[in-house]
């Protein structure tokens, strides 16, 4: 009781003093200049978004560019930001943030540089579209450098909170600046950097920027603190050297592309069995085959099917007005020009880099008979006059997936508007068992065209393998019997042409895709 009474009689100041005495001793950290604090938060937040955007280009050649990959990159980046901010705040309450800011930036730079060899070596192992591989590769590419960068903001905030009465103002201002940095980096990377620089240059430049910022900051803070901060240790120097040495592995790491365009990692490979054969590879997937000496040579089965349709839809060698949704290697335009002299081909290709690559290495010769327009096929076909094409070939892909906005009923309606009476729409689609997407796409096209047929290998229609499918559609009866006869004599493998009741049974109750609801990636999922 006496002890309690003595404690109760103590003045409030004494109790406060006792409480403070239990906390770690040490002088309070000095605030950073306002401009420096804002710059650090702006750069760190922006760097996360540059890394996130560039990582989509890094992982694409190995796991594709699909909704799942994009979602994984965004999800991993957000997880890194959350954990980085949490850990940064925890450390800020236990250590002088001035001692942590520069090392965090330098380590973020080292980890960013290491992203290149890590992704290129791990990508070869994790190649494919499996969900686990996608998540693991994106985590290897983003998580650690993004988490280190996310820790910068809470460290800076801690230093700036000298007056608790201004907590809201400080936190709000720095949060706003961080968001502006992220917005600037997103727009700058998407509109400028990706178009001007390969992803390797973007990543290395970002790593150098972060490392240099960290080193300059370390020197500045040490001078401002009058040598109370420690000098960079040998361990720090060794880590920097090891990081740079590891980053240099990217120079010898396997690279999947010869040319990096705004949308693709592209390469042209020579056919070892044909000296004039060239294979266009986009994001490690075969996209087009071109025989430089023989434009009538169609290597891939689906091109043989479309060629047979083009041969049978009009009198031999009669010129056509053809529109191609997607250019790739320009195989079909070259074929139509060779088999039907005078044909006017208009190609809509979103990737201008592919058009230039085609001109350099695939004998693409633009002119009156071949007009290449760079832009989104959905937008460009909307500009074309009604009933102005005899043949529309749909062969646009993002990796191995038809872009969702080119697979909807509204898109099919645009194609029907452009096609002349009796003209044909031939759409190439890739699907795998259980074939949910191809069923829905046939249903979607059939919702606009009264006459529809499907060309595919028998094994694929039976659901035992993945394959290319070609949908045929017209407002008039299709020349199916001549096409069947032509395919029997010209196709490399067995092929079936489905129509009528058999096609209805194949489609069953598949949903019609619309601009409002087109879950293409989900329909393509095999699980």
Protein backbone atom coordinates (compact mmCIF):
# COMPACT_ATOMS: atom_id res chain seq x y z
CA UNK A 1 0.00 0.00 0.00
CA UNK A 2 2.83 2.37 0.82
CA UNK A 3 4.42 1.66 -2.58
CA UNK A 4 1.16 2.32 -4.32
CA UNK A 5 0.65 5.53 -2.43
CA UNK A 6 4.14 6.68 -3.29
CA UNK A 7 3.56 5.96 -6.96
CA UNK A 8 0.21 7.70 -6.90
CA UNK A 9 1.77 10.76 -5.38
CA UNK A 10 4.38 11.07 -8.12
CA UNK A 11 3.84 14.03 -10.42
CA UNK A 12 2.77 13.30 -14.02
CA UNK A 13 6.10 14.54 -15.33
CA UNK A 14 7.94 11.83 -13.42
CA UNK A 15 5.72 9.13 -14.84
CA UNK A 16 6.29 10.39 -18.37
CA UNK A 17 10.02 10.45 -17.76
CA UNK A 18 9.99 6.87 -16.57
CA UNK A 19 8.08 5.78 -19.64
CA UNK A 20 10.47 7.49 -22.04
CA UNK A 21 13.45 6.01 -20.23
CA UNK A 22 12.28 2.54 -21.21
CA UNK A 23 12.58 3.39 -24.96
CA UNK A 24 15.81 2.97 -26.93
CA UNK A 25 18.14 5.86 -26.36
CA UNK A 26 19.47 7.95 -29.23
CA UNK A 27 19.06 11.34 -30.81
CA UNK A 28 15.97 11.83 -32.97
CA UNK A 29 16.51 11.58 -36.72
CA UNK A 30 16.56 14.91 -38.53
CA UNK A 31 13.98 15.56 -41.22
CA UNK A 32 15.04 15.60 -44.86
CA UNK A 33 14.67 18.76 -46.93
CA UNK A 34 11.15 18.82 -48.33
CA UNK A 35 12.30 18.68 -51.94
CA UNK A 36 14.63 15.74 -51.31
CA UNK A 37 11.91 13.81 -49.47
CA UNK A 38 9.47 14.39 -52.32
CA UNK A 39 12.05 13.35 -54.93
CA UNK A 40 12.87 10.10 -53.15
CA UNK A 41 9.20 9.11 -52.84
CA UNK A 42 8.50 10.13 -56.46
CA UNK A 43 11.46 8.15 -57.84
CA UNK A 44 10.87 5.05 -55.70
CA UNK A 45 7.15 4.86 -56.50
CA UNK A 46 7.76 5.51 -60.18
CA UNK A 47 10.51 2.90 -60.34
CA UNK A 48 8.08 0.22 -59.14
CA UNK A 49 5.74 0.95 -62.04
CA UNK A 50 8.56 1.06 -64.59
CA UNK A 51 9.69 -2.34 -63.32
CA UNK A 52 6.13 -3.68 -63.43
CA UNK A 53 5.50 -2.53 -67.00
CA UNK A 54 8.88 -3.70 -68.28
CA UNK A 55 8.45 -7.07 -66.56
CA UNK A 56 5.46 -7.82 -68.77
CA UNK A 57 7.87 -7.64 -71.70
CA UNK A 58 10.48 -9.78 -69.93
CA UNK A 59 8.21 -12.68 -68.99
CA UNK A 60 6.06 -12.60 -72.16
CA UNK A 61 8.41 -14.69 -74.33
CA UNK A 62 8.27 -17.52 -71.80
CA UNK A 63 4.69 -17.55 -70.46
CA UNK A 64 2.83 -15.49 -73.05
CA UNK A 65 0.98 -12.19 -72.88
CA UNK A 66 -2.41 -13.19 -71.54
CA UNK A 67 -4.86 -11.89 -68.98
CA UNK A 68 -3.43 -14.35 -66.45
CA UNK A 69 0.12 -13.08 -67.01
CA UNK A 70 -0.96 -9.44 -66.75
CA UNK A 71 -2.97 -10.20 -63.61
CA UNK A 72 0.01 -12.03 -62.10
CA UNK A 73 2.38 -9.13 -62.74
CA UNK A 74 -0.05 -6.64 -61.21
CA UNK A 75 -0.81 -8.91 -58.26
CA UNK A 76 2.83 -9.65 -57.48
CA UNK A 77 3.70 -5.95 -57.74
CA UNK A 78 0.91 -5.02 -55.34
CA UNK A 79 2.00 -7.75 -52.91
CA UNK A 80 5.57 -6.43 -53.06
CA UNK A 81 4.34 -2.89 -52.39
CA UNK A 82 2.28 -4.07 -49.42
CA UNK A 83 5.04 -6.11 -47.81
CA UNK A 84 7.71 -3.53 -48.61
CA UNK A 85 5.71 -0.72 -47.03
CA UNK A 86 4.99 -2.86 -43.98
CA UNK A 87 8.63 -3.84 -43.46
CA UNK A 88 9.83 -0.30 -44.19
CA UNK A 89 7.51 1.09 -41.55
CA UNK A 90 8.60 -1.58 -39.04
CA UNK A 91 12.26 -0.76 -39.61
CA UNK A 92 11.63 3.00 -39.46
CA UNK A 93 10.40 2.61 -35.86
CA UNK A 94 13.50 0.64 -34.82
CA UNK A 95 16.37 2.20 -36.77
CA UNK A 96 17.38 5.64 -37.91
CA UNK A 97 15.78 5.86 -41.37
CA UNK A 98 18.71 7.98 -42.55
CA UNK A 99 20.90 4.88 -42.21
CA UNK A 100 18.49 2.76 -44.29
CA UNK A 101 17.46 4.94 -47.22
CA UNK A 102 20.66 4.77 -49.27
CA UNK A 103 21.24 1.01 -48.78
CA UNK A 104 17.61 0.32 -49.75
CA UNK A 105 18.04 2.22 -53.01
CA UNK A 106 21.37 0.59 -53.82
CA UNK A 107 20.00 -2.89 -53.09
CA UNK A 108 16.92 -2.12 -55.20
CA UNK A 109 19.22 -1.16 -58.07
CA UNK A 110 21.23 -4.37 -57.72
CA UNK A 111 18.08 -6.52 -57.57
CA UNK A 112 16.65 -4.70 -60.59
CA UNK A 113 19.80 -5.44 -62.60
CA UNK A 114 19.68 -9.08 -61.51
CA UNK A 115 16.13 -9.32 -62.87
CA UNK A 116 17.46 -9.80 -66.41
CA UNK A 117 19.59 -12.93 -65.90
CA UNK A 118 17.13 -14.38 -63.37
CA UNK A 119 14.17 -14.14 -65.77
CA UNK A 120 16.14 -15.34 -68.78
CA UNK A 121 17.52 -18.43 -67.07
CA UNK A 122 14.40 -19.22 -65.05
CA UNK A 123 12.17 -18.51 -68.05
CA UNK A 124 13.74 -21.36 -69.99
CA UNK A 125 12.84 -23.71 -67.13
CA UNK A 126 9.34 -22.31 -66.51
CA UNK A 127 8.43 -21.89 -70.19
CA UNK A 128 4.72 -22.42 -70.87
CA UNK A 129 1.45 -21.07 -69.56
CA UNK A 130 1.01 -23.05 -66.34
CA UNK A 131 -0.36 -20.90 -63.51
CA UNK A 132 2.37 -21.90 -61.05
CA UNK A 133 5.09 -21.10 -63.58
CA UNK A 134 3.52 -17.72 -64.38
CA UNK A 135 3.33 -16.70 -60.73
CA UNK A 136 6.82 -17.93 -59.94
CA UNK A 137 8.45 -16.20 -62.91
CA UNK A 138 6.67 -12.90 -62.23
CA UNK A 139 7.65 -13.11 -58.56
CA UNK A 140 11.29 -13.65 -59.51
CA UNK A 141 11.10 -10.67 -61.82
CA UNK A 142 9.37 -8.16 -59.58
CA UNK A 143 8.96 -8.99 -55.92
CA UNK A 144 12.31 -8.24 -54.27
CA UNK A 145 13.23 -4.98 -56.06
CA UNK A 146 9.63 -3.70 -55.80
CA UNK A 147 9.50 -4.50 -52.07
CA UNK A 148 12.77 -2.65 -51.46
CA UNK A 149 11.48 0.36 -53.39
CA UNK A 150 8.17 0.30 -51.51
CA UNK A 151 10.06 0.53 -48.21
CA UNK A 152 11.39 3.98 -49.15
CA UNK A 153 8.14 5.87 -48.57
CA UNK A 154 7.56 4.86 -44.90
CA UNK A 155 11.21 5.58 -44.13
CA UNK A 156 10.87 9.07 -45.59
CA UNK A 157 7.53 9.64 -43.85
CA UNK A 158 9.08 8.74 -40.49
CA UNK A 159 11.81 11.34 -40.97
CA UNK A 160 9.34 14.06 -41.92
CA UNK A 161 7.02 13.58 -38.92
CA UNK A 162 8.69 16.13 -36.67
CA UNK A 163 5.36 17.64 -35.60
CA UNK A 164 2.49 15.27 -34.85
CA UNK A 165 0.03 18.09 -35.49
CA UNK A 166 1.01 17.92 -39.19
CA UNK A 167 0.89 14.14 -39.56
CA UNK A 168 -2.06 14.19 -41.96
CA UNK A 169 -0.49 16.89 -44.09
CA UNK A 170 2.88 15.11 -44.32
CA UNK A 171 1.46 11.67 -45.03
CA UNK A 172 -1.08 13.04 -47.51
CA UNK A 173 1.50 15.07 -49.39
CA UNK A 174 4.01 12.25 -49.69
CA UNK A 175 1.31 9.73 -50.63
CA UNK A 176 0.13 12.10 -53.35
CA UNK A 177 3.67 12.57 -54.64
CA UNK A 178 4.20 8.80 -54.69
CA UNK A 179 1.01 8.33 -56.68
CA UNK A 180 2.07 11.01 -59.14
CA UNK A 181 5.38 9.24 -59.55
CA UNK A 182 3.59 5.98 -60.29
CA UNK A 183 1.28 7.65 -62.82
CA UNK A 184 4.16 9.41 -64.54
CA UNK A 185 6.17 6.19 -64.75
CA UNK A 186 3.22 4.20 -66.08
CA UNK A 187 2.43 6.66 -68.85
CA UNK A 188 6.07 7.37 -69.62
CA UNK A 189 6.96 3.70 -69.87
CA UNK A 190 3.90 2.70 -71.86
CA UNK A 191 3.94 5.60 -74.31
CA UNK A 192 7.64 6.46 -74.55
CA UNK A 193 10.16 4.03 -73.10
CA UNK A 194 8.72 0.80 -74.53
CA UNK A 195 8.50 2.38 -77.97
CA UNK A 196 12.01 3.83 -77.81
CA UNK A 197 14.08 1.24 -75.93
CA UNK A 198 14.30 -2.54 -75.60
CA UNK A 199 13.30 -3.90 -72.21
CA UNK A 200 16.94 -4.76 -71.42
CA UNK A 201 17.93 -1.11 -71.79
CA UNK A 202 14.98 -0.01 -69.66
CA UNK A 203 15.87 -2.39 -66.83
CA UNK A 204 19.60 -1.59 -66.87
CA UNK A 205 18.92 2.16 -66.99
CA UNK A 206 16.53 1.85 -64.05
CA UNK A 207 19.10 -0.16 -62.09
CA UNK A 208 21.81 2.43 -62.74
CA UNK A 209 19.46 5.26 -61.75
CA UNK A 210 18.56 3.60 -58.46
CA UNK A 211 22.12 2.65 -57.61
CA UNK A 212 23.48 6.10 -58.44
CA UNK A 213 20.70 7.79 -56.47
CA UNK A 214 21.49 5.62 -53.47
CA UNK A 215 25.21 6.37 -53.59
CA UNK A 216 24.70 10.13 -53.99
CA UNK A 217 22.17 10.08 -51.15
CA UNK A 218 24.61 8.23 -48.90
CA UNK A 219 27.30 10.87 -49.45
CA UNK A 220 24.81 13.72 -48.93
CA UNK A 221 23.38 12.30 -45.70
CA UNK A 222 26.79 11.60 -44.23
CA UNK A 223 27.91 15.18 -44.87
CA UNK A 224 24.70 16.58 -43.45
CA UNK A 225 25.01 14.45 -40.32
CA UNK A 226 28.60 15.60 -39.74
CA UNK A 227 30.03 12.09 -40.01
CA UNK A 228 27.65 10.55 -37.46
CA UNK A 229 26.51 8.10 -40.13
CA UNK A 230 28.92 5.23 -40.85
CA UNK A 231 30.96 5.06 -44.02
CA UNK A 232 29.96 2.46 -46.59
CA UNK A 233 31.27 -0.89 -45.33
CA UNK A 234 33.27 -3.46 -47.23
CA UNK A 235 30.20 -5.69 -47.13
CA UNK A 236 28.19 -3.02 -48.95
CA UNK A 237 30.90 -2.60 -51.55
CA UNK A 238 31.16 -6.35 -52.01
CA UNK A 239 27.39 -6.60 -52.43
CA UNK A 240 27.47 -3.91 -55.09
CA UNK A 241 30.29 -5.66 -56.96
CA UNK A 242 28.52 -9.02 -56.77
CA UNK A 243 25.30 -7.44 -57.95
CA UNK A 244 26.97 -5.88 -60.97
CA UNK A 245 28.76 -9.15 -61.73
CA UNK A 246 25.48 -11.03 -61.53
CA UNK A 247 23.79 -8.49 -63.76
CA UNK A 248 26.52 -9.00 -66.34
CA UNK A 249 25.24 -12.55 -66.72
CA UNK A 250 22.42 -11.07 -68.79
CA UNK A 251 24.97 -10.52 -71.54
CA UNK A 252 25.44 -14.27 -71.90
CA UNK A 253 21.98 -15.36 -70.78
CA UNK A 254 19.86 -17.00 -73.49
CA UNK A 255 17.72 -14.39 -75.21
CA UNK A 256 14.55 -15.50 -77.01
CA UNK A 257 14.39 -12.72 -79.58
CA UNK A 258 16.38 -11.00 -82.29
CA UNK A 259 14.18 -7.90 -82.37
CA UNK A 260 12.03 -6.43 -79.63
CA UNK A 261 9.10 -4.51 -81.05
CA UNK A 262 6.52 -2.52 -79.14
CA UNK A 263 4.42 -5.68 -78.70
CA UNK A 264 6.57 -8.72 -79.34
CA UNK A 265 9.87 -10.44 -78.82
CA UNK A 266 10.43 -11.41 -82.45
CA UNK A 267 12.89 -13.55 -84.34
CA UNK A 268 13.15 -14.96 -87.87
CA UNK A 269 14.60 -18.45 -88.12
CA UNK A 270 15.82 -20.17 -91.26
CA UNK A 271 14.26 -23.54 -92.14
CA UNK A 272 17.08 -26.13 -92.08
CA UNK A 273 15.16 -28.21 -94.65
CA UNK A 274 14.45 -25.33 -97.03
CA UNK A 275 17.08 -22.71 -97.79
CA UNK A 276 14.43 -20.11 -98.67
CA UNK A 277 12.04 -20.96 -95.85
CA UNK A 278 11.70 -18.52 -92.95
CA UNK A 279 9.83 -18.99 -89.68
CA UNK A 280 8.56 -15.95 -87.77
CA UNK A 281 8.63 -16.56 -84.02
CA UNK A 282 6.78 -14.17 -81.70
CA UNK A 283 7.23 -14.54 -77.95
CA UNK A 284 8.70 -18.02 -78.54
CA UNK A 285 5.61 -19.19 -80.47
CA UNK A 286 5.55 -20.07 -84.18
CA UNK A 287 3.39 -17.51 -85.96
CA UNK A 288 4.15 -17.51 -89.68
CA UNK A 289 6.08 -19.42 -92.30
CA UNK A 290 7.26 -17.71 -95.48
CA UNK A 291 9.02 -19.22 -98.47
CA UNK A 292 10.97 -16.34 -99.97
CA UNK A 293 11.23 -18.09 -103.35
CA UNK A 294 7.67 -19.43 -103.55
CA UNK A 295 4.81 -17.28 -102.19
CA UNK A 296 2.35 -20.05 -103.05
CA UNK A 297 3.97 -22.41 -100.55
CA UNK A 298 1.77 -22.70 -97.45
CA UNK A 299 3.55 -24.57 -94.67
CA UNK A 300 1.07 -24.42 -91.79
CA UNK A 301 -2.12 -26.44 -92.12
CA UNK A 302 -4.47 -23.61 -91.25
CA UNK A 303 -2.98 -21.47 -94.05
CA UNK A 304 -3.56 -24.35 -96.45
CA UNK A 305 -7.22 -24.39 -95.39
CA UNK A 306 -7.63 -20.64 -95.88
CA UNK A 307 -5.80 -20.90 -99.21
CA UNK A 308 -8.23 -23.61 -100.34
CA UNK A 309 -11.18 -21.40 -99.43
CA UNK A 310 -9.68 -18.45 -101.31
CA UNK A 311 -9.07 -20.66 -104.35
CA UNK A 312 -12.66 -21.91 -104.43
CA UNK A 313 -14.58 -18.73 -103.64
CA UNK A 314 -14.16 -17.09 -107.07
CA UNK A 315 -13.09 -18.01 -110.61
CA UNK A 316 -9.39 -18.95 -110.82
CA UNK A 317 -6.95 -16.02 -110.88
CA UNK A 318 -9.73 -13.47 -110.55
CA UNK A 319 -8.56 -10.58 -108.33
CA UNK A 320 -10.13 -10.04 -104.93
CA UNK A 321 -10.48 -7.24 -102.44
CA UNK A 322 -9.02 -8.79 -99.27
CA UNK A 323 -8.71 -7.50 -95.72
CA UNK A 324 -6.35 -9.19 -93.27
CA UNK A 325 -6.83 -8.73 -89.52
CA UNK A 326 -3.26 -9.24 -88.36
CA UNK A 327 -0.19 -9.29 -90.56
CA UNK A 328 2.43 -11.50 -88.91
CA UNK A 329 4.64 -12.78 -91.72
CA UNK A 330 2.18 -11.61 -94.44
CA UNK A 331 1.86 -15.18 -95.72
CA UNK A 332 -1.71 -14.97 -97.00
CA UNK A 333 -1.37 -11.58 -98.72
CA UNK A 334 1.67 -12.91 -100.60
CA UNK A 335 -0.29 -16.05 -101.54
CA UNK A 336 -3.29 -14.11 -102.87
CA UNK A 337 -1.06 -11.78 -104.87
CA UNK A 338 0.67 -14.76 -106.47
CA UNK A 339 -2.47 -16.80 -107.18
CA UNK A 340 -4.80 -13.94 -108.04
CA UNK A 341 -2.82 -11.14 -109.71
CA UNK A 342 -4.36 -7.74 -109.17
CA UNK A 343 -5.74 -8.63 -105.74
CA UNK A 344 -5.78 -5.64 -103.40
CA UNK A 345 -4.70 -6.68 -99.90
CA UNK A 346 -5.18 -4.36 -96.96
CA UNK A 347 -3.45 -5.59 -93.80
CA UNK A 348 -4.23 -4.28 -90.31
CA UNK A 349 -1.25 -4.92 -88.05
CA UNK A 350 -1.03 -3.31 -84.63
CA UNK A 351 2.73 -3.80 -84.39
CA UNK A 352 4.60 -1.48 -86.74
CA UNK A 353 7.83 -3.23 -85.80
CA UNK A 354 6.55 -6.44 -87.41
CA UNK A 355 5.81 -4.60 -90.63
CA UNK A 356 9.39 -3.30 -90.72
CA UNK A 357 10.74 -6.76 -89.86
CA UNK A 358 8.69 -8.22 -92.71
CA UNK A 359 10.12 -5.70 -95.13
CA UNK A 360 13.68 -6.46 -94.04
CA UNK A 361 13.61 -10.24 -93.78
CA UNK A 362 10.38 -11.71 -95.20
CA UNK A 363 10.17 -10.09 -98.63
CA UNK A 364 7.14 -7.98 -97.73
CA UNK A 365 6.73 -5.44 -100.52
CA UNK A 366 4.06 -2.85 -99.86
CA UNK A 367 2.48 -1.00 -102.76
CA UNK A 368 -0.81 -0.86 -104.69
CA UNK A 369 -1.43 -4.61 -104.18
CA UNK A 370 -0.40 -4.68 -100.51
CA UNK A 371 -1.26 -1.87 -98.16
CA UNK A 372 -0.15 -2.27 -94.54
CA UNK A 373 -1.91 -0.07 -91.99
CA UNK A 374 -0.50 0.05 -88.47
CA UNK A 375 -3.19 0.11 -85.84
CA UNK A 376 -5.82 -1.89 -83.99
CA UNK A 377 -7.86 -4.06 -86.37
CA UNK A 378 -11.12 -3.30 -84.56
CA UNK A 379 -10.62 0.42 -85.07
CA UNK A 380 -9.36 0.18 -88.63
CA UNK A 381 -12.09 -2.10 -89.94
CA UNK A 382 -14.61 0.34 -88.55
CA UNK A 383 -13.19 2.95 -90.93
CA UNK A 384 -13.60 0.75 -94.01
CA UNK A 385 -16.62 1.36 -96.27
CA UNK A 386 -19.50 -1.10 -96.22
CA UNK A 387 -19.46 -3.96 -98.74
CA UNK A 388 -15.89 -3.21 -99.78
CA UNK A 389 -14.20 -6.63 -99.33
CA UNK A 390 -14.61 -10.07 -100.88
CA UNK A 391 -12.52 -11.85 -98.26
CA UNK A 392 -11.69 -10.99 -94.65
CA UNK A 393 -9.02 -13.13 -93.00
CA UNK A 394 -8.94 -13.02 -89.19
CA UNK A 395 -5.47 -14.00 -88.01
CA UNK A 396 -4.70 -11.63 -85.14
CA UNK A 397 -3.26 -13.02 -81.94
CA UNK A 398 -1.81 -11.85 -78.67
CA UNK A 399 0.65 -14.69 -78.13
CA UNK A 400 -1.69 -17.67 -78.85
CA UNK A 401 -4.94 -15.95 -77.93
CA UNK A 402 -7.34 -14.04 -80.17
CA UNK A 403 -7.66 -10.56 -78.59
CA UNK A 404 -11.02 -10.54 -76.87
CA UNK A 405 -12.33 -7.43 -78.66
CA UNK A 406 -11.77 -9.18 -82.01
CA UNK A 407 -13.78 -12.20 -80.88
CA UNK A 408 -17.13 -10.60 -80.04
CA UNK A 409 -20.46 -10.44 -81.82
CA UNK A 410 -19.96 -6.71 -82.37
CA UNK A 411 -16.70 -7.43 -84.19
CA UNK A 412 -18.42 -10.08 -86.32
CA UNK A 413 -21.07 -7.50 -87.18
CA UNK A 414 -18.35 -5.10 -88.36
CA UNK A 415 -16.88 -7.82 -90.55
CA UNK A 416 -20.29 -8.62 -92.04
CA UNK A 417 -20.84 -4.93 -92.77
CA UNK A 418 -17.56 -4.79 -94.70
CA UNK A 419 -18.03 -8.02 -96.68
CA UNK A 420 -19.81 -7.89 -100.03
CA UNK A 421 -22.73 -10.24 -100.76
CA UNK A 422 -21.25 -13.69 -101.23
CA UNK A 423 -17.97 -12.72 -99.60
CA UNK A 424 -16.34 -14.90 -96.93
CA UNK A 425 -14.94 -14.36 -93.45
CA UNK A 426 -12.19 -16.88 -92.57
CA UNK A 427 -11.09 -16.67 -88.94
CA UNK A 428 -8.17 -18.59 -87.47
CA UNK A 429 -8.60 -19.69 -83.84
CA UNK A 430 -6.38 -21.75 -81.54
CA UNK A 431 -7.96 -23.80 -78.77
CA UNK A 432 -7.28 -26.82 -76.57
CA UNK A 433 -9.55 -29.35 -74.87
CA UNK A 434 -12.20 -28.91 -73.57
CA UNK A 435 -12.67 -26.58 -76.60
CA UNK A 436 -14.83 -24.02 -74.83
CA UNK A 437 -13.50 -21.01 -76.71
CA UNK A 438 -13.87 -22.36 -80.25
CA UNK A 439 -17.44 -23.46 -79.49
CA UNK A 440 -18.28 -19.97 -78.22
CA UNK A 441 -16.54 -18.28 -81.12
CA UNK A 442 -18.46 -20.34 -83.67
CA UNK A 443 -21.69 -19.46 -81.82
CA UNK A 444 -20.65 -15.80 -81.83
CA UNK A 445 -19.94 -15.67 -85.57
CA UNK A 446 -23.14 -17.63 -86.29
CA UNK A 447 -25.12 -15.00 -84.41
CA UNK A 448 -24.27 -12.56 -87.24
CA UNK A 449 -23.76 -14.77 -90.32
CA UNK A 450 -26.47 -17.15 -91.58
CA UNK A 451 -24.00 -19.59 -93.14
CA UNK A 452 -21.13 -20.90 -90.99
CA UNK A 453 -18.74 -23.84 -91.22
CA UNK A 454 -15.69 -25.04 -89.28
CA UNK A 455 -12.46 -26.60 -90.58
CA UNK A 456 -10.31 -28.57 -88.15
CA UNK A 457 -8.37 -31.83 -87.68
CA UNK A 458 -10.64 -34.74 -86.66
CA UNK A 459 -8.63 -35.37 -83.50
CA UNK A 460 -9.09 -31.76 -82.39
CA UNK A 461 -12.84 -31.89 -82.99
CA UNK A 462 -12.94 -35.06 -80.90
CA UNK A 463 -11.32 -33.14 -78.05
CA UNK A 464 -8.12 -35.18 -77.89
CA UNK A 465 -5.65 -32.43 -78.87
CA UNK A 466 -5.24 -28.71 -79.28
CA UNK A 467 -5.07 -27.26 -82.79
CA UNK A 468 -5.86 -24.45 -85.16
CA UNK A 469 -9.48 -24.11 -86.24
CA UNK A 470 -10.73 -22.00 -89.14
CA UNK A 471 -14.26 -20.61 -88.98
CA UNK A 472 -15.90 -19.81 -92.33
CA UNK A 473 -18.86 -17.43 -92.51
CA UNK A 474 -20.89 -15.76 -95.22
CA UNK A 475 -24.31 -14.32 -95.96
CA UNK A 476 -24.65 -16.79 -98.85
CA UNK A 477 -24.13 -20.59 -98.95
CA UNK A 478 -20.45 -21.47 -98.66
CA UNK A 479 -18.63 -23.49 -101.37
CA UNK A 480 -18.13 -26.40 -98.96
CA UNK A 481 -18.00 -29.30 -101.40
CA UNK A 482 -15.29 -27.72 -103.61
CA UNK A 483 -13.36 -26.83 -100.45
CA UNK A 484 -13.62 -30.40 -99.14
CA UNK A 485 -12.39 -31.81 -102.43
CA UNK A 486 -9.52 -29.33 -102.53
CA UNK A 487 -8.47 -30.14 -98.96
CA UNK A 488 -8.46 -33.87 -99.68
CA UNK A 489 -5.86 -33.35 -102.40
CA UNK A 490 -3.84 -30.44 -100.95
CA UNK A 491 -3.91 -30.58 -97.13
CA UNK A 492 -0.96 -32.23 -95.39
CA UNK A 493 -3.09 -34.07 -92.84
CA UNK A 494 -6.65 -35.31 -92.29
CA UNK A 495 -9.16 -32.51 -92.02
CA UNK A 496 -12.90 -32.25 -91.39
CA UNK A 497 -15.31 -29.55 -92.56
CA UNK A 498 -18.24 -29.27 -90.14
CA UNK A 499 -21.49 -27.60 -91.09
CA UNK A 500 -25.23 -27.82 -90.55
CA UNK A 501 -26.51 -30.16 -87.84
CA UNK A 502 -23.06 -31.58 -87.08
CA UNK A 503 -21.77 -28.07 -86.37
CA UNK A 504 -24.81 -27.27 -84.22
CA UNK A 505 -24.13 -30.38 -82.14
CA UNK A 506 -20.48 -29.38 -81.76
CA UNK A 507 -21.38 -25.86 -80.60
CA UNK A 508 -24.15 -27.13 -78.29
CA UNK A 509 -25.12 -24.41 -75.79
CA UNK A 510 -21.91 -22.34 -75.94
CA UNK A 511 -22.27 -18.70 -74.99
CA UNK A 512 -22.17 -15.87 -77.52
CA UNK A 513 -19.32 -13.46 -76.76
CA UNK A 514 -20.13 -9.76 -76.68
CA UNK A 515 -18.31 -6.54 -75.90
CA UNK A 516 -20.08 -6.66 -72.55
CA UNK A 517 -19.01 -10.21 -71.71
CA UNK A 518 -16.10 -11.94 -73.47
CA UNK A 519 -14.13 -14.13 -71.02
CA UNK A 520 -11.74 -15.36 -73.71
CA UNK A 521 -8.83 -16.20 -71.42
CA UNK A 522 -11.07 -18.07 -69.01
CA UNK A 523 -12.64 -20.10 -71.81
CA UNK A 524 -9.16 -21.03 -73.01
CA UNK A 525 -8.07 -22.26 -69.58
CA UNK A 526 -7.57 -26.03 -69.58
CA UNK A 527 -8.32 -26.49 -65.89
